PDB file of N, CA and C in Angstrom:
ATOM      1  N   UNK A   1     -19.930 -21.271   1.723  1.00  0.00           N
ATOM      2  CA  UNK A   1     -21.088 -21.380   2.579  1.00  0.00           C
ATOM      3  C   UNK A   1     -22.289 -21.735   1.700  1.00  0.00           C
ATOM      4  N   UNK A   2     -22.951 -22.817   2.054  1.00  0.00           N
ATOM      5  CA  UNK A   2     -24.109 -23.280   1.287  1.00  0.00           C
ATOM      6  C   UNK A   2     -25.356 -22.532   1.734  1.00  0.00           C
ATOM      7  N   UNK A   3     -26.240 -22.283   0.784  1.00  0.00           N
ATOM      8  CA  UNK A   3     -27.489 -21.587   1.070  1.00  0.00           C
ATOM      9  C   UNK A   3     -28.648 -22.530   0.789  1.00  0.00           C
ATOM     10  N   UNK A   4     -29.516 -22.663   1.764  1.00  0.00           N
ATOM     11  CA  UNK A   4     -30.708 -23.490   1.589  1.00  0.00           C
ATOM     12  C   UNK A   4     -31.821 -22.583   1.088  1.00  0.00           C
ATOM     13  N   UNK A   5     -32.104 -22.699  -0.211  1.00  0.00           N
ATOM     14  CA  UNK A   5     -33.102 -21.830  -0.807  1.00  0.00           C
ATOM     15  C   UNK A   5     -34.530 -22.255  -0.468  1.00  0.00           C
ATOM     16  N   UNK A   6     -34.697 -23.460   0.082  1.00  0.00           N
ATOM     17  CA  UNK A   6     -36.025 -23.924   0.467  1.00  0.00           C
ATOM     18  C   UNK A   6     -36.407 -23.494   1.873  1.00  0.00           C
ATOM     19  N   UNK A   7     -35.471 -23.022   2.653  1.00  0.00           N
ATOM     20  CA  UNK A   7     -35.753 -22.609   4.026  1.00  0.00           C
ATOM     21  C   UNK A   7     -36.549 -21.312   4.006  1.00  0.00           C
ATOM     22  N   UNK A   8     -37.429 -21.130   4.985  1.00  0.00           N
ATOM     23  CA  UNK A   8     -38.198 -19.882   5.043  1.00  0.00           C
ATOM     24  C   UNK A   8     -37.256 -18.694   5.281  1.00  0.00           C
ATOM     25  N   UNK A   9     -37.536 -17.608   4.586  1.00  0.00           N
ATOM     26  CA  UNK A   9     -36.699 -16.421   4.683  1.00  0.00           C
ATOM     27  C   UNK A   9     -37.315 -15.425   5.640  1.00  0.00           C
ATOM     28  N   UNK A  10     -36.451 -14.579   6.199  1.00  0.00           N
ATOM     29  CA  UNK A  10     -36.939 -13.527   7.082  1.00  0.00           C
ATOM     30  C   UNK A  10     -37.557 -12.429   6.237  1.00  0.00           C
ATOM     31  N   UNK A  11     -38.644 -11.915   6.684  1.00  0.00           N
ATOM     32  CA  UNK A  11     -39.277 -10.791   6.004  1.00  0.00           C
ATOM     33  C   UNK A  11     -38.714  -9.487   6.523  1.00  0.00           C
ATOM     34  N   UNK A  12     -39.197  -8.389   5.995  1.00  0.00           N
ATOM     35  CA  UNK A  12     -38.726  -7.071   6.413  1.00  0.00           C
ATOM     36  C   UNK A  12     -39.057  -6.813   7.875  1.00  0.00           C
ATOM     37  N   UNK A  13     -40.204  -7.360   8.336  1.00  0.00           N
ATOM     38  CA  UNK A  13     -40.579  -7.167   9.741  1.00  0.00           C
ATOM     39  C   UNK A  13     -39.640  -7.925  10.665  1.00  0.00           C
ATOM     40  N   UNK A  14     -39.222  -9.134  10.250  1.00  0.00           N
ATOM     41  CA  UNK A  14     -38.327  -9.938  11.081  1.00  0.00           C
ATOM     42  C   UNK A  14     -36.941  -9.307  11.181  1.00  0.00           C
ATOM     43  N   UNK A  15     -36.477  -8.679  10.105  1.00  0.00           N
ATOM     44  CA  UNK A  15     -35.166  -8.056  10.122  1.00  0.00           C
ATOM     45  C   UNK A  15     -35.127  -6.855  11.062  1.00  0.00           C
ATOM     46  N   UNK A  16     -36.245  -6.145  11.160  1.00  0.00           N
ATOM     47  CA  UNK A  16     -36.305  -4.976  12.031  1.00  0.00           C
ATOM     48  C   UNK A  16     -36.406  -5.361  13.501  1.00  0.00           C
ATOM     49  N   UNK A  17     -36.688  -6.625  13.810  1.00  0.00           N
ATOM     50  CA  UNK A  17     -36.908  -7.050  15.181  1.00  0.00           C
ATOM     51  C   UNK A  17     -35.634  -7.397  15.927  1.00  0.00           C
ATOM     52  N   UNK A  18     -34.454  -7.296  15.290  1.00  0.00           N
ATOM     53  CA  UNK A  18     -33.206  -7.544  16.010  1.00  0.00           C
ATOM     54  C   UNK A  18     -33.099  -6.520  17.134  1.00  0.00           C
ATOM     55  N   UNK A  19     -32.858  -7.019  18.317  1.00  0.00           N
ATOM     56  CA  UNK A  19     -32.812  -6.112  19.463  1.00  0.00           C
ATOM     57  C   UNK A  19     -31.533  -5.287  19.427  1.00  0.00           C
ATOM     58  N   UNK A  20     -31.594  -4.108  19.994  1.00  0.00           N
ATOM     59  CA  UNK A  20     -30.439  -3.215  20.027  1.00  0.00           C
ATOM     60  C   UNK A  20     -29.331  -3.821  20.877  1.00  0.00           C
ATOM     61  N   UNK A  21     -29.702  -4.577  21.907  1.00  0.00           N
ATOM     62  CA  UNK A  21     -28.699  -5.223  22.759  1.00  0.00           C
ATOM     63  C   UNK A  21     -27.928  -6.278  21.963  1.00  0.00           C
ATOM     64  N   UNK A  22     -28.631  -7.019  21.111  1.00  0.00           N
ATOM     65  CA  UNK A  22     -27.974  -8.036  20.297  1.00  0.00           C
ATOM     66  C   UNK A  22     -27.007  -7.393  19.305  1.00  0.00           C
ATOM     67  N   UNK A  23     -27.412  -6.282  18.713  1.00  0.00           N
ATOM     68  CA  UNK A  23     -26.542  -5.587  17.781  1.00  0.00           C
ATOM     69  C   UNK A  23     -25.311  -5.015  18.481  1.00  0.00           C
ATOM     70  N   UNK A  24     -25.488  -4.481  19.691  1.00  0.00           N
ATOM     71  CA  UNK A  24     -24.361  -3.960  20.454  1.00  0.00           C
ATOM     72  C   UNK A  24     -23.392  -5.070  20.817  1.00  0.00           C
ATOM     73  N   UNK A  25     -23.931  -6.231  21.169  1.00  0.00           N
ATOM     74  CA  UNK A  25     -23.089  -7.372  21.525  1.00  0.00           C
ATOM     75  C   UNK A  25     -22.262  -7.815  20.326  1.00  0.00           C
ATOM     76  N   UNK A  26     -22.887  -7.859  19.148  1.00  0.00           N
ATOM     77  CA  UNK A  26     -22.158  -8.239  17.936  1.00  0.00           C
ATOM     78  C   UNK A  26     -21.045  -7.237  17.628  1.00  0.00           C
ATOM     79  N   UNK A  27     -21.345  -5.953  17.791  1.00  0.00           N
ATOM     80  CA  UNK A  27     -20.368  -4.917  17.478  1.00  0.00           C
ATOM     81  C   UNK A  27     -19.174  -4.992  18.428  1.00  0.00           C
ATOM     82  N   UNK A  28     -19.413  -5.153  19.722  1.00  0.00           N
ATOM     83  CA  UNK A  28     -18.302  -5.212  20.669  1.00  0.00           C
ATOM     84  C   UNK A  28     -17.502  -6.495  20.490  1.00  0.00           C
ATOM     85  N   UNK A  29     -18.140  -7.588  20.094  1.00  0.00           N
ATOM     86  CA  UNK A  29     -17.435  -8.848  19.882  1.00  0.00           C
ATOM     87  C   UNK A  29     -16.499  -8.735  18.684  1.00  0.00           C
ATOM     88  N   UNK A  30     -16.939  -8.092  17.622  1.00  0.00           N
ATOM     89  CA  UNK A  30     -16.086  -7.964  16.436  1.00  0.00           C
ATOM     90  C   UNK A  30     -14.999  -6.926  16.647  1.00  0.00           C
ATOM     91  N   UNK A  31     -15.281  -5.852  17.363  1.00  0.00           N
ATOM     92  CA  UNK A  31     -14.268  -4.818  17.554  1.00  0.00           C
ATOM     93  C   UNK A  31     -13.191  -5.255  18.541  1.00  0.00           C
ATOM     94  N   UNK A  32     -13.551  -6.078  19.531  1.00  0.00           N
ATOM     95  CA  UNK A  32     -12.551  -6.514  20.491  1.00  0.00           C
ATOM     96  C   UNK A  32     -11.611  -7.542  19.890  1.00  0.00           C
ATOM     97  N   UNK A  33     -12.082  -8.336  18.941  1.00  0.00           N
ATOM     98  CA  UNK A  33     -11.220  -9.353  18.348  1.00  0.00           C
ATOM     99  C   UNK A  33     -10.333  -8.773  17.252  1.00  0.00           C
ATOM    100  N   UNK A  34     -10.684  -7.614  16.708  1.00  0.00           N
ATOM    101  CA  UNK A  34      -9.908  -7.077  15.597  1.00  0.00           C
ATOM    102  C   UNK A  34      -8.759  -6.185  16.046  1.00  0.00           C
ATOM    103  N   UNK A  35      -8.731  -5.732  17.285  1.00  0.00           N
ATOM    104  CA  UNK A  35      -7.658  -4.854  17.726  1.00  0.00           C
ATOM    105  C   UNK A  35      -6.536  -5.690  18.325  1.00  0.00           C
ATOM    106  N   UNK A  36      -5.384  -5.656  17.663  1.00  0.00           N
ATOM    107  CA  UNK A  36      -4.233  -6.419  18.109  1.00  0.00           C
ATOM    108  C   UNK A  36      -3.089  -5.447  18.287  1.00  0.00           C
ATOM    109  N   UNK A  37      -2.477  -5.455  19.466  1.00  0.00           N
ATOM    110  CA  UNK A  37      -1.333  -4.598  19.728  1.00  0.00           C
ATOM    111  C   UNK A  37      -0.067  -5.388  19.438  1.00  0.00           C
ATOM    112  N   UNK A  38       0.532  -5.102  18.280  1.00  0.00           N
ATOM    113  CA  UNK A  38       1.757  -5.786  17.908  1.00  0.00           C
ATOM    114  C   UNK A  38       2.682  -4.774  17.255  1.00  0.00           C
ATOM    115  N   UNK A  39       3.889  -4.749  17.725  1.00  0.00           N
ATOM    116  CA  UNK A  39       4.870  -3.842  17.158  1.00  0.00           C
ATOM    117  C   UNK A  39       5.330  -4.402  15.820  1.00  0.00           C
ATOM    118  N   UNK A  40       5.111  -3.658  14.739  1.00  0.00           N
ATOM    119  CA  UNK A  40       5.442  -4.134  13.402  1.00  0.00           C
ATOM    120  C   UNK A  40       6.938  -4.344  13.230  1.00  0.00           C
ATOM    121  N   UNK A  41       7.732  -3.467  13.818  1.00  0.00           N
ATOM    122  CA  UNK A  41       9.173  -3.585  13.691  1.00  0.00           C
ATOM    123  C   UNK A  41       9.651  -4.849  14.389  1.00  0.00           C
ATOM    124  N   UNK A  42       9.106  -5.106  15.569  1.00  0.00           N
ATOM    125  CA  UNK A  42       9.490  -6.297  16.322  1.00  0.00           C
ATOM    126  C   UNK A  42       9.091  -7.567  15.584  1.00  0.00           C
ATOM    127  N   UNK A  43       7.935  -7.557  14.967  1.00  0.00           N
ATOM    128  CA  UNK A  43       7.483  -8.721  14.211  1.00  0.00           C
ATOM    129  C   UNK A  43       8.343  -8.926  12.972  1.00  0.00           C
ATOM    130  N   UNK A  44       8.784  -7.847  12.329  1.00  0.00           N
ATOM    131  CA  UNK A  44       9.589  -7.953  11.119  1.00  0.00           C
ATOM    132  C   UNK A  44      11.005  -8.427  11.418  1.00  0.00           C
ATOM    133  N   UNK A  45      11.514  -8.132  12.610  1.00  0.00           N
ATOM    134  CA  UNK A  45      12.870  -8.557  12.954  1.00  0.00           C
ATOM    135  C   UNK A  45      12.973 -10.074  13.055  1.00  0.00           C
ATOM    136  N   UNK A  46      11.930 -10.717  13.502  1.00  0.00           N
ATOM    137  CA  UNK A  46      11.950 -12.165  13.654  1.00  0.00           C
ATOM    138  C   UNK A  46      11.645 -12.908  12.372  1.00  0.00           C
ATOM    139  N   UNK A  47      11.272 -12.205  11.320  1.00  0.00           N
ATOM    140  CA  UNK A  47      10.897 -12.828  10.060  1.00  0.00           C
ATOM    141  C   UNK A  47      12.080 -12.773   9.104  1.00  0.00           C
ATOM    142  N   UNK A  48      12.503 -13.928   8.622  1.00  0.00           N
ATOM    143  CA  UNK A  48      13.649 -13.970   7.725  1.00  0.00           C
ATOM    144  C   UNK A  48      13.276 -14.676   6.435  1.00  0.00           C
ATOM    145  N   UNK A  49      13.567 -14.049   5.321  1.00  0.00           N
ATOM    146  CA  UNK A  49      13.274 -14.637   4.022  1.00  0.00           C
ATOM    147  C   UNK A  49      14.320 -15.690   3.678  1.00  0.00           C
ATOM    148  N   UNK A  50      13.907 -16.744   2.993  1.00  0.00           N
ATOM    149  CA  UNK A  50      14.883 -17.759   2.612  1.00  0.00           C
ATOM    150  C   UNK A  50      15.864 -17.206   1.584  1.00  0.00           C
ATOM    151  N   UNK A  51      17.134 -17.443   1.815  1.00  0.00           N
ATOM    152  CA  UNK A  51      18.158 -16.958   0.896  1.00  0.00           C
ATOM    153  C   UNK A  51      18.411 -15.469   0.990  1.00  0.00           C
ATOM    154  N   UNK A  52      18.023 -14.846   2.087  1.00  0.00           N
ATOM    155  CA  UNK A  52      18.144 -13.396   2.214  1.00  0.00           C
ATOM    156  C   UNK A  52      19.471 -12.954   2.822  1.00  0.00           C
ATOM    157  N   UNK A  53      20.334 -13.892   3.188  1.00  0.00           N
ATOM    158  CA  UNK A  53      21.613 -13.517   3.784  1.00  0.00           C
ATOM    159  C   UNK A  53      22.567 -13.081   2.688  1.00  0.00           C
ATOM    160  N   UNK A  54      22.722 -11.788   2.526  1.00  0.00           N
ATOM    161  CA  UNK A  54      23.587 -11.225   1.497  1.00  0.00           C
ATOM    162  C   UNK A  54      24.826 -10.583   2.108  1.00  0.00           C
ATOM    163  N   UNK A  55      25.199 -10.977   3.321  1.00  0.00           N
ATOM    164  CA  UNK A  55      26.319 -10.337   4.000  1.00  0.00           C
ATOM    165  C   UNK A  55      27.641 -10.598   3.298  1.00  0.00           C
ATOM    166  N   UNK A  56      27.767 -11.721   2.587  1.00  0.00           N
ATOM    167  CA  UNK A  56      29.016 -12.021   1.899  1.00  0.00           C
ATOM    168  C   UNK A  56      29.072 -11.480   0.484  1.00  0.00           C
ATOM    169  N   UNK A  57      28.010 -10.873   0.011  1.00  0.00           N
ATOM    170  CA  UNK A  57      27.949 -10.367  -1.353  1.00  0.00           C
ATOM    171  C   UNK A  57      28.544  -8.969  -1.445  1.00  0.00           C
ATOM    172  N   UNK A  58      29.152  -8.695  -2.577  1.00  0.00           N
ATOM    173  CA  UNK A  58      29.701  -7.365  -2.819  1.00  0.00           C
ATOM    174  C   UNK A  58      29.012  -6.776  -4.035  1.00  0.00           C
ATOM    175  N   UNK A  59      28.537  -5.566  -3.909  1.00  0.00           N
ATOM    176  CA  UNK A  59      27.811  -4.906  -4.980  1.00  0.00           C
ATOM    177  C   UNK A  59      28.778  -4.108  -5.838  1.00  0.00           C
ATOM    178  N   UNK A  60      28.727  -4.370  -7.122  1.00  0.00           N
ATOM    179  CA  UNK A  60      29.579  -3.591  -8.032  1.00  0.00           C
ATOM    180  C   UNK A  60      28.688  -3.035  -9.137  1.00  0.00           C
ATOM    181  N   UNK A  61      28.618  -1.704  -9.183  1.00  0.00           N
ATOM    182  CA  UNK A  61      27.776  -1.013 -10.146  1.00  0.00           C
ATOM    183  C   UNK A  61      28.630   0.012 -10.871  1.00  0.00           C
ATOM    184  N   UNK A  62      28.475   0.059 -12.167  1.00  0.00           N
ATOM    185  CA  UNK A  62      29.192   1.054 -12.959  1.00  0.00           C
ATOM    186  C   UNK A  62      28.322   2.306 -13.034  1.00  0.00           C
ATOM    187  N   UNK A  63      28.822   3.410 -12.522  1.00  0.00           N
ATOM    188  CA  UNK A  63      28.076   4.663 -12.496  1.00  0.00           C
ATOM    189  C   UNK A  63      28.550   5.534 -13.650  1.00  0.00           C
ATOM    190  N   UNK A  64      27.584   5.958 -14.455  1.00  0.00           N
ATOM    191  CA  UNK A  64      27.889   6.820 -15.594  1.00  0.00           C
ATOM    192  C   UNK A  64      27.465   8.244 -15.276  1.00  0.00           C
ATOM    193  N   UNK A  65      28.192   9.235 -15.767  1.00  0.00           N
ATOM    194  CA  UNK A  65      27.745  10.623 -15.578  1.00  0.00           C
ATOM    195  C   UNK A  65      26.491  10.886 -16.410  1.00  0.00           C
ATOM    196  N   UNK A  66      25.779  11.934 -16.058  1.00  0.00           N
ATOM    197  CA  UNK A  66      24.555  12.291 -16.781  1.00  0.00           C
ATOM    198  C   UNK A  66      24.889  12.582 -18.237  1.00  0.00           C
ATOM    199  N   UNK A  67      24.103  12.020 -19.139  1.00  0.00           N
ATOM    200  CA  UNK A  67      24.336  12.167 -20.568  1.00  0.00           C
ATOM    201  C   UNK A  67      23.694  13.460 -21.079  1.00  0.00           C
ATOM    202  N   UNK A  68      23.987  13.813 -22.323  1.00  0.00           N
ATOM    203  CA  UNK A  68      23.464  15.037 -22.921  1.00  0.00           C
ATOM    204  C   UNK A  68      21.940  15.006 -23.065  1.00  0.00           C
ATOM    205  N   UNK A  69      21.373  13.834 -23.269  1.00  0.00           N
ATOM    206  CA  UNK A  69      19.923  13.728 -23.473  1.00  0.00           C
ATOM    207  C   UNK A  69      19.183  13.381 -22.184  1.00  0.00           C
ATOM    208  N   UNK A  70      19.794  13.635 -21.037  1.00  0.00           N
ATOM    209  CA  UNK A  70      19.172  13.335 -19.745  1.00  0.00           C
ATOM    210  C   UNK A  70      19.087  14.607 -18.903  1.00  0.00           C
ATOM    211  N   UNK A  71      18.204  14.573 -17.904  1.00  0.00           N
ATOM    212  CA  UNK A  71      18.071  15.685 -16.959  1.00  0.00           C
ATOM    213  C   UNK A  71      17.801  15.121 -15.573  1.00  0.00           C
ATOM    214  N   UNK A  72      18.035  15.921 -14.558  1.00  0.00           N
ATOM    215  CA  UNK A  72      17.747  15.524 -13.181  1.00  0.00           C
ATOM    216  C   UNK A  72      16.473  16.229 -12.746  1.00  0.00           C
ATOM    217  N   UNK A  73      15.479  15.450 -12.345  1.00  0.00           N
ATOM    218  CA  UNK A  73      14.203  16.009 -11.920  1.00  0.00           C
ATOM    219  C   UNK A  73      14.393  16.804 -10.629  1.00  0.00           C
ATOM    220  N   UNK A  74      13.821  18.000 -10.571  1.00  0.00           N
ATOM    221  CA  UNK A  74      13.951  18.859  -9.397  1.00  0.00           C
ATOM    222  C   UNK A  74      13.062  18.398  -8.250  1.00  0.00           C
ATOM    223  N   UNK A  75      12.145  17.452  -8.509  1.00  0.00           N
ATOM    224  CA  UNK A  75      11.242  16.982  -7.467  1.00  0.00           C
ATOM    225  C   UNK A  75      11.701  15.644  -6.867  1.00  0.00           C
ATOM    226  N   UNK A  76      11.951  14.653  -7.721  1.00  0.00           N
ATOM    227  CA  UNK A  76      12.312  13.322  -7.220  1.00  0.00           C
ATOM    228  C   UNK A  76      13.819  13.064  -7.296  1.00  0.00           C
ATOM    229  N   UNK A  77      14.572  13.944  -7.947  1.00  0.00           N
ATOM    230  CA  UNK A  77      16.027  13.888  -8.063  1.00  0.00           C
ATOM    231  C   UNK A  77      16.531  12.653  -8.809  1.00  0.00           C
ATOM    232  N   UNK A  78      15.696  12.076  -9.659  1.00  0.00           N
ATOM    233  CA  UNK A  78      16.115  10.961 -10.490  1.00  0.00           C
ATOM    234  C   UNK A  78      16.585  11.488 -11.830  1.00  0.00           C
ATOM    235  N   UNK A  79      17.568  10.818 -12.403  1.00  0.00           N
ATOM    236  CA  UNK A  79      18.046  11.182 -13.734  1.00  0.00           C
ATOM    237  C   UNK A  79      17.144  10.483 -14.739  1.00  0.00           C
ATOM    238  N   UNK A  80      16.523  11.281 -15.605  1.00  0.00           N
ATOM    239  CA  UNK A  80      15.565  10.752 -16.575  1.00  0.00           C
ATOM    240  C   UNK A  80      15.943  11.214 -17.973  1.00  0.00           C
ATOM    241  N   UNK A  81      15.409  10.532 -18.968  1.00  0.00           N
ATOM    242  CA  UNK A  81      15.625  10.891 -20.366  1.00  0.00           C
ATOM    243  C   UNK A  81      14.804  12.140 -20.697  1.00  0.00           C
ATOM    244  N   UNK A  82      15.266  12.921 -21.641  1.00  0.00           N
ATOM    245  CA  UNK A  82      14.574  14.166 -22.015  1.00  0.00           C
ATOM    246  C   UNK A  82      13.143  13.929 -22.485  1.00  0.00           C
ATOM    247  N   UNK A  83      12.849  12.733 -22.981  1.00  0.00           N
ATOM    248  CA  UNK A  83      11.484  12.437 -23.428  1.00  0.00           C
ATOM    249  C   UNK A  83      10.508  12.395 -22.257  1.00  0.00           C
ATOM    250  N   UNK A  84      11.010  12.290 -21.029  1.00  0.00           N
ATOM    251  CA  UNK A  84      10.149  12.271 -19.850  1.00  0.00           C
ATOM    252  C   UNK A  84      10.033  13.636 -19.184  1.00  0.00           C
ATOM    253  N   UNK A  85      10.568  14.656 -19.815  1.00  0.00           N
ATOM    254  CA  UNK A  85      10.502  16.016 -19.276  1.00  0.00           C
ATOM    255  C   UNK A  85       9.089  16.561 -19.435  1.00  0.00           C
ATOM    256  N   UNK A  86       8.553  17.119 -18.353  1.00  0.00           N
ATOM    257  CA  UNK A  86       7.212  17.702 -18.375  1.00  0.00           C
ATOM    258  C   UNK A  86       7.294  19.068 -19.044  1.00  0.00           C
ATOM    259  N   UNK A  87       6.514  19.239 -20.085  1.00  0.00           N
ATOM    260  CA  UNK A  87       6.482  20.523 -20.791  1.00  0.00           C
ATOM    261  C   UNK A  87       5.517  21.445 -20.067  1.00  0.00           C
ATOM    262  N   UNK A  88       5.915  22.640 -19.844  1.00  0.00           N
ATOM    263  CA  UNK A  88       5.085  23.604 -19.125  1.00  0.00           C
ATOM    264  C   UNK A  88       5.476  23.705 -17.661  1.00  0.00           C
ATOM    265  N   UNK A  89       6.712  23.344 -17.344  1.00  0.00           N
ATOM    266  CA  UNK A  89       7.179  23.430 -15.960  1.00  0.00           C
ATOM    267  C   UNK A  89       7.311  24.893 -15.565  1.00  0.00           C
ATOM    268  N   UNK A  90       6.791  25.222 -14.401  1.00  0.00           N
ATOM    269  CA  UNK A  90       6.812  26.610 -13.929  1.00  0.00           C
ATOM    270  C   UNK A  90       8.152  26.928 -13.272  1.00  0.00           C
ATOM    271  N   UNK A  91       8.610  28.142 -13.459  1.00  0.00           N
ATOM    272  CA  UNK A  91       9.819  28.608 -12.782  1.00  0.00           C
ATOM    273  C   UNK A  91      11.098  28.092 -13.396  1.00  0.00           C
ATOM    274  N   UNK A  92      11.030  27.469 -14.556  1.00  0.00           N
ATOM    275  CA  UNK A  92      12.224  26.980 -15.209  1.00  0.00           C
ATOM    276  C   UNK A  92      12.806  25.728 -14.587  1.00  0.00           C
ATOM    277  N   UNK A  93      12.109  25.108 -13.647  1.00  0.00           N
ATOM    278  CA  UNK A  93      12.597  23.869 -13.032  1.00  0.00           C
ATOM    279  C   UNK A  93      12.308  22.698 -13.954  1.00  0.00           C
ATOM    280  N   UNK A  94      13.224  21.776 -14.010  1.00  0.00           N
ATOM    281  CA  UNK A  94      13.059  20.572 -14.807  1.00  0.00           C
ATOM    282  C   UNK A  94      12.357  19.524 -13.958  1.00  0.00           C
ATOM    283  N   UNK A  95      11.125  19.175 -14.337  1.00  0.00           N
ATOM    284  CA  UNK A  95      10.319  18.205 -13.591  1.00  0.00           C
ATOM    285  C   UNK A  95       9.875  17.129 -14.541  1.00  0.00           C
ATOM    286  N   UNK A  96       9.930  15.862 -14.095  1.00  0.00           N
ATOM    287  CA  UNK A  96       9.530  14.742 -14.942  1.00  0.00           C
ATOM    288  C   UNK A  96       7.991  14.641 -15.000  1.00  0.00           C
ATOM    289  N   UNK A  97       7.520  13.886 -15.984  1.00  0.00           N
ATOM    290  CA  UNK A  97       6.067  13.703 -16.140  1.00  0.00           C
ATOM    291  C   UNK A  97       5.430  13.022 -14.936  1.00  0.00           C
ATOM    292  N   UNK A  98       6.146  12.107 -14.291  1.00  0.00           N
ATOM    293  CA  UNK A  98       5.595  11.397 -13.131  1.00  0.00           C
ATOM    294  C   UNK A  98       5.339  12.351 -11.959  1.00  0.00           C
ATOM    295  N   UNK A  99       6.270  13.247 -11.711  1.00  0.00           N
ATOM    296  CA  UNK A  99       6.100  14.189 -10.596  1.00  0.00           C
ATOM    297  C   UNK A  99       5.084  15.282 -10.922  1.00  0.00           C
ATOM    298  N   UNK A 100       4.948  15.624 -12.188  1.00  0.00           N
ATOM    299  CA  UNK A 100       4.010  16.673 -12.579  1.00  0.00           C
ATOM    300  C   UNK A 100       2.569  16.168 -12.533  1.00  0.00           C
ATOM    301  N   UNK A 101       2.366  14.865 -12.592  1.00  0.00           N
ATOM    302  CA  UNK A 101       1.005  14.302 -12.611  1.00  0.00           C
ATOM    303  C   UNK A 101       0.340  14.384 -11.268  1.00  0.00           C
TER     304      UNK A 101
END
């Protein structure tokens, strides 16, 4: 948006002269256009990402048991390395630094 710096500017008195009816009209015009009733789930069902059809794919993951230097966080239940253990955990529960923060 270009600004014409040579045009006369409104003074403080001119800014105060906006009528209350004009301000109410502006407020109702902006609030009525911003409220949209749309079901997010319904909108997401019709949206498909390119290459997102993974129905023919098979997932193969090798699962390892928890190692000696790992622990399971009592808050987020993720297996983490001992270096991420929060020191000063109350009640003897093993909590990671992320959950303790």
